[in-house]
Each structure stands twice: as C-alpha cells, then as structure tokens.
Amino acid sequence: MVSVNTNGGFGNHDSYSPTISSDGRYVLFHSLAQNLAGTFGGLGTENLFLRDRLAGQTYALTTDNTAPSTQSASMTPDGHFCGLCWGSLLISKLFIWNSQLTSLIYTNSVAGLSVVSISPDGQTVAYLAGSPLTLSVVNLASNSKPWSAPELFCRIQDCGSVLMDDS
C-alpha cells in the first residue's frame, strides 16, 4: 500500500494518478486524504504526495486546504526530482522537490500555469503558462535565462542549494 501515512495508517480519502520511479522506491500521487503526512487541510482538498517506500515516509508536497487542485506533476525516472504546478489560472506556483534533501528547492509564481514536465536528469523543466498558453523551459543547471520566461531563473549548486535571480 502506498497511500498510507508514516505510521502505516490508511488515507482517509481517495488517492490517484500515481507515477513511480524506475526502481520502485518513490511514488508520486494525488490524494484527497488529509492524514497522509500530518493533519492539514480540509477533507476532499486535492494535494500532491511523495511516498518513499524504502524509508517508509510520506511527504506532502502541497498542503493548502483552500487552493484548487494540482494541475500537473512530473518526476525524474530515479525519483530524485519532482516538478509540479499547483493553483488556479490566476494564482499558481511552479515547485521543484528534491527527494534526497526531502525539501522544496525551487518555487516561483507563474500566472496560468497548467502543465509541467521535468527532464530525466532533473536539470530542465518545461511548462505551459499564461494567456494565451506559452511553452517555456527553465534550465536549472546553467546560468542562462530560460526561453520564453525571463522572470524565471535558478541554478542548482552542489548539495542542492539554490540561487535565484528574478532580474
């Protein structure tokens, strides 16, 4: 069972749309449950979770009880990085989660964010945002500004620290 909390208890609502890492260790999934990673939110509010099957730990990647559902999520084949977009057409965020550090390493508000995809090596993120929808790419490993999105830029240093430049 994947949609369980750290103590082994079952989720108190539906879980769905799983993505599994190539070695089976990590499972990224959507859930309406509020008891998978601590108690938060209202029952029936969609959030995104990452289950580390080896460590027996479930992480809540989103934890808001008022925001609309997660629009899109993507994970590298090894489960090291997860990219997700979450929110509404007016207020949405792009997140990058590092499962080895067990923390968010990048977040940015992007109006109209609807779809995200992360490259197999975790170094590039593509997403749809705006009105009309525009495909943009962020290179997380270089100093170059992303294509079609000059407001976003980040670089992952060793140990997962992040530098951001919004200029």
Protein backbone atom coordinates (compact mmCIF):
# COMPACT_ATOMS: atom_id res chain seq x y z
CA MET A 1 0.00 0.00 0.00
CA VAL A 2 1.36 3.42 -0.96
CA SER A 3 -1.29 5.89 0.20
CA VAL A 4 -0.51 5.40 3.88
CA ASN A 5 0.92 7.73 6.48
CA THR A 6 4.30 7.24 8.14
CA ASN A 7 2.67 5.21 10.93
CA GLY A 8 1.14 2.82 8.38
CA GLY A 9 -2.40 4.16 8.69
CA PHE A 10 -4.58 4.28 5.60
CA GLY A 11 -5.53 7.54 3.92
CA ASN A 12 -8.97 8.86 4.86
CA HIS A 13 -9.96 9.69 1.27
CA ASP A 14 -9.16 8.77 -2.35
CA SER A 15 -5.64 8.68 -3.81
CA TYR A 16 -4.98 8.50 -7.58
CA SER A 17 -2.74 9.31 -10.59
CA PRO A 18 0.47 7.60 -9.40
CA THR A 19 3.87 7.98 -11.04
CA ILE A 20 6.53 5.53 -9.91
CA SER A 21 10.33 5.83 -10.11
CA SER A 22 12.21 3.32 -12.26
CA ASP A 23 13.47 1.40 -9.22
CA GLY A 24 10.07 1.48 -7.48
CA ARG A 25 11.32 3.41 -4.45
CA TYR A 26 9.36 6.64 -4.98
CA VAL A 27 5.67 7.03 -5.83
CA LEU A 28 4.30 10.49 -6.65
CA PHE A 29 0.50 10.67 -6.36
CA HIS A 30 -2.51 12.93 -5.90
CA SER A 31 -4.82 12.46 -2.91
CA LEU A 32 -7.88 13.97 -1.27
CA ALA A 33 -6.80 12.49 2.10
CA GLN A 34 -5.73 14.82 4.90
CA ASN A 35 -3.91 12.32 7.12
CA LEU A 36 -1.07 11.03 4.93
CA ALA A 37 1.67 13.41 6.14
CA GLY A 38 0.38 15.05 9.29
CA THR A 39 -3.03 16.62 9.59
CA PHE A 40 -3.76 19.60 7.38
CA GLY A 41 -6.35 20.95 5.05
CA GLY A 42 -9.93 20.06 4.64
CA LEU A 43 -11.02 16.56 3.72
CA GLY A 44 -11.59 16.40 -0.01
CA THR A 45 -8.98 19.04 -0.96
CA GLU A 46 -6.52 17.67 -3.51
CA ASN A 47 -2.83 17.72 -2.63
CA LEU A 48 0.27 16.02 -4.00
CA PHE A 49 2.32 13.47 -2.08
CA LEU A 50 5.58 11.59 -2.50
CA ARG A 51 5.95 8.20 -0.83
CA ASP A 52 9.47 6.89 -0.19
CA ARG A 53 8.79 3.17 0.02
CA LEU A 54 12.31 2.34 1.22
CA ALA A 55 12.24 4.84 4.11
CA GLY A 56 8.53 4.29 4.81
CA GLN A 57 7.93 8.05 4.70
CA THR A 58 5.16 10.05 3.01
CA TYR A 59 5.84 13.71 2.18
CA ALA A 60 3.15 16.30 1.45
CA LEU A 61 4.43 18.33 -1.49
CA THR A 62 1.40 20.63 -1.32
CA THR A 63 -0.52 21.33 1.87
CA ASP A 64 -3.10 24.00 1.21
CA ASN A 65 -6.75 23.43 2.05
CA THR A 66 -8.00 26.41 0.04
CA ALA A 67 -6.12 26.21 -3.26
CA PRO A 68 -7.55 24.41 -6.26
CA SER A 69 -6.11 21.11 -7.30
CA THR A 70 -2.65 20.31 -8.57
CA GLN A 71 -2.73 20.73 -12.33
CA SER A 72 0.33 18.69 -13.24
CA ALA A 73 3.26 16.81 -11.74
CA SER A 74 6.32 15.12 -13.20
CA MET A 75 9.13 13.06 -11.68
CA THR A 76 12.58 12.06 -12.90
CA PRO A 77 12.93 8.30 -13.55
CA ASP A 78 15.11 7.88 -10.45
CA GLY A 79 12.69 9.88 -8.28
CA HIS A 80 15.36 12.44 -7.33
CA PHE A 81 13.40 15.48 -8.55
CA CYS A 82 9.68 16.21 -8.82
CA GLY A 83 8.29 19.17 -10.73
CA LEU A 84 4.75 20.32 -10.04
CA CYS A 85 2.40 23.13 -10.83
CA TRP A 86 -0.34 23.94 -8.40
CA GLY A 87 -3.04 26.55 -8.04
CA SER A 88 -5.57 28.26 -10.27
CA LEU A 89 -5.39 30.16 -13.55
CA LEU A 90 -4.84 33.42 -11.67
CA ILE A 91 -2.58 32.23 -8.85
CA SER A 92 -0.30 29.27 -9.48
CA LYS A 93 3.15 28.10 -8.46
CA LEU A 94 5.93 26.06 -10.01
CA PHE A 95 7.70 23.84 -7.47
CA ILE A 96 10.77 21.59 -7.68
CA TRP A 97 11.15 18.99 -4.91
CA ASN A 98 14.44 17.19 -4.17
CA SER A 99 13.64 13.78 -2.65
CA GLN A 100 17.23 13.24 -1.47
CA LEU A 101 17.14 16.50 0.52
CA THR A 102 13.43 15.96 1.34
CA SER A 103 12.67 19.60 0.63
CA LEU A 104 11.49 22.08 -1.95
CA ILE A 105 14.49 23.57 -3.73
CA TYR A 106 12.69 25.94 -6.06
CA THR A 107 9.37 27.74 -6.18
CA ASN A 108 8.03 30.60 -8.27
CA SER A 109 4.64 32.11 -9.01
CA VAL A 110 3.59 31.84 -12.64
CA ALA A 111 0.17 33.07 -13.83
CA GLY A 112 -1.90 30.47 -15.63
CA LEU A 113 0.44 27.54 -15.05
CA SER A 114 -1.18 24.33 -16.28
CA VAL A 115 1.33 21.60 -17.25
CA VAL A 116 4.87 20.77 -16.08
CA SER A 117 7.43 18.22 -17.25
CA ILE A 118 10.91 17.60 -15.86
CA SER A 119 13.78 16.06 -17.85
CA PRO A 120 15.12 12.60 -16.87
CA ASP A 121 18.28 14.17 -15.37
CA GLY A 122 16.27 16.79 -13.44
CA GLN A 123 18.13 19.70 -14.99
CA THR A 124 15.42 21.11 -17.28
CA VAL A 125 11.77 21.92 -16.62
CA ALA A 126 9.22 22.71 -19.32
CA TYR A 127 5.80 24.18 -18.53
CA LEU A 128 2.74 25.79 -20.09
CA ALA A 129 1.61 29.11 -18.64
CA GLY A 130 -0.03 32.41 -19.46
CA SER A 131 -2.86 33.53 -21.67
CA PRO A 132 -2.55 32.56 -24.42
CA LEU A 133 -0.65 29.45 -23.28
CA THR A 134 3.07 29.68 -23.93
CA LEU A 135 5.55 26.80 -23.66
CA SER A 136 8.55 27.82 -21.55
CA VAL A 137 11.70 26.00 -20.50
CA VAL A 138 13.87 26.58 -17.42
CA ASN A 139 17.40 25.18 -17.46
CA LEU A 140 18.10 24.51 -13.79
CA ALA A 141 21.76 23.69 -14.35
CA SER A 142 23.01 26.71 -16.28
CA ASN A 143 23.40 30.41 -15.84
CA SER A 144 21.36 31.15 -18.95
CA LYS A 145 17.92 32.72 -18.73
CA PRO A 146 15.10 30.31 -19.63
CA TRP A 147 13.50 30.50 -23.03
CA SER A 148 10.21 32.44 -23.15
CA ALA A 149 10.28 33.13 -19.43
CA PRO A 150 12.77 35.86 -18.46
CA GLU A 151 11.23 36.14 -14.97
CA LEU A 152 12.37 32.64 -14.02
CA PHE A 153 15.92 31.51 -13.42
CA CYS A 154 17.56 29.17 -10.97
CA ARG A 155 20.71 27.15 -10.71
CA ILE A 156 21.20 24.07 -8.60
CA GLN A 157 24.56 24.05 -6.87
CA ASP A 158 26.13 21.02 -5.23
CA CYS A 159 24.25 19.87 -2.10
CA GLY A 160 21.04 21.22 -3.62
CA SER A 161 21.33 24.86 -2.62
CA VAL A 162 19.56 27.21 -4.96
CA LEU A 163 20.39 30.64 -6.32
CA MET A 164 17.53 32.66 -7.80
CA ASP A 165 17.74 35.72 -9.95
CA ASP A 166 14.48 37.48 -10.78
CA SER A 167 16.12 40.33 -12.69
